[in-house]
């Protein structure tokens, strides 16, 4: 089958199964919907025919454009229909999104894992010594495509072993990348025990604490009591914190994550500071 361009009803389009990128209904989506309402979908989405179905398609590239089109009241979108198997389509999906300006750590993690698995299915040699290590040559290819090192790719893929709640802390910028990689070696129950302490004390582990947790998990078992003791230690670089409940600013930034809300508050403070300076200058 040759690649073809055609208009396709949105109702016949289906998201790519388990695709790693979050399609959020936020201000950027509203802006895209407004642009599509005025100019239409300028760049065709990329789809492939769904197997064993008639005239139904799986989106490879264009999930955001499809959602924005729905919001804009558009019923059909231009599409490039390609003949790709699941693995080839997964590779295209990952590569077509990595150029985005804002990509969450969790998105990179699951995207790299998806591409590594797709490349492995296509014959790339894997490291059979550990089921938790991504295919060696696959990670080298991904690193080359992404312009980074294969070790960085493997470390991102490790993040997929985190429970969703801790991974959200990483996306929100509350846990740094390197400590998060160390925490990914804890088993599920240990991670939930750690999460309980994080929420109870409103704190996150430092790199040193994360490394200790990893070592204790592998050697002697990591009990809730040990986690509580370690997390109660004062960190050398611990700083005084001023906190504002998200509920108080949610109406101003309804779809923001913690990091975006923090940035909004800081910009608002800066604008208000400049306002006070102007007021003071006028009164002189």
Foldseek 3Di string as FASTA:
>chain_A
DAKDKDKAFLVQEDEQPPQLADQDDFPVLQVLLVVCLVVNDPDAWEWEDDPPDPRHTYTLGQPSVSVSCVVNVHGIHMYIYDHDDSLVSLLSSLLVPLVDPDDFLSSLQVSLQSNLVSVVVVPQAADPPDPLFGRDVSLCVVCVSNVHHSVVSRLSPLLVLADPVVSLCRRLVQDDSQLSSLQSLAHPVLNVLLVVLCVVVVHDDDSVLSNVQSVCCPPPRDDSVNSNVSVPDDDPPDDDDDDDDCVVCCVVGVRDGNNVVVVVVVVVVVVVVVVVVVVVVVVD
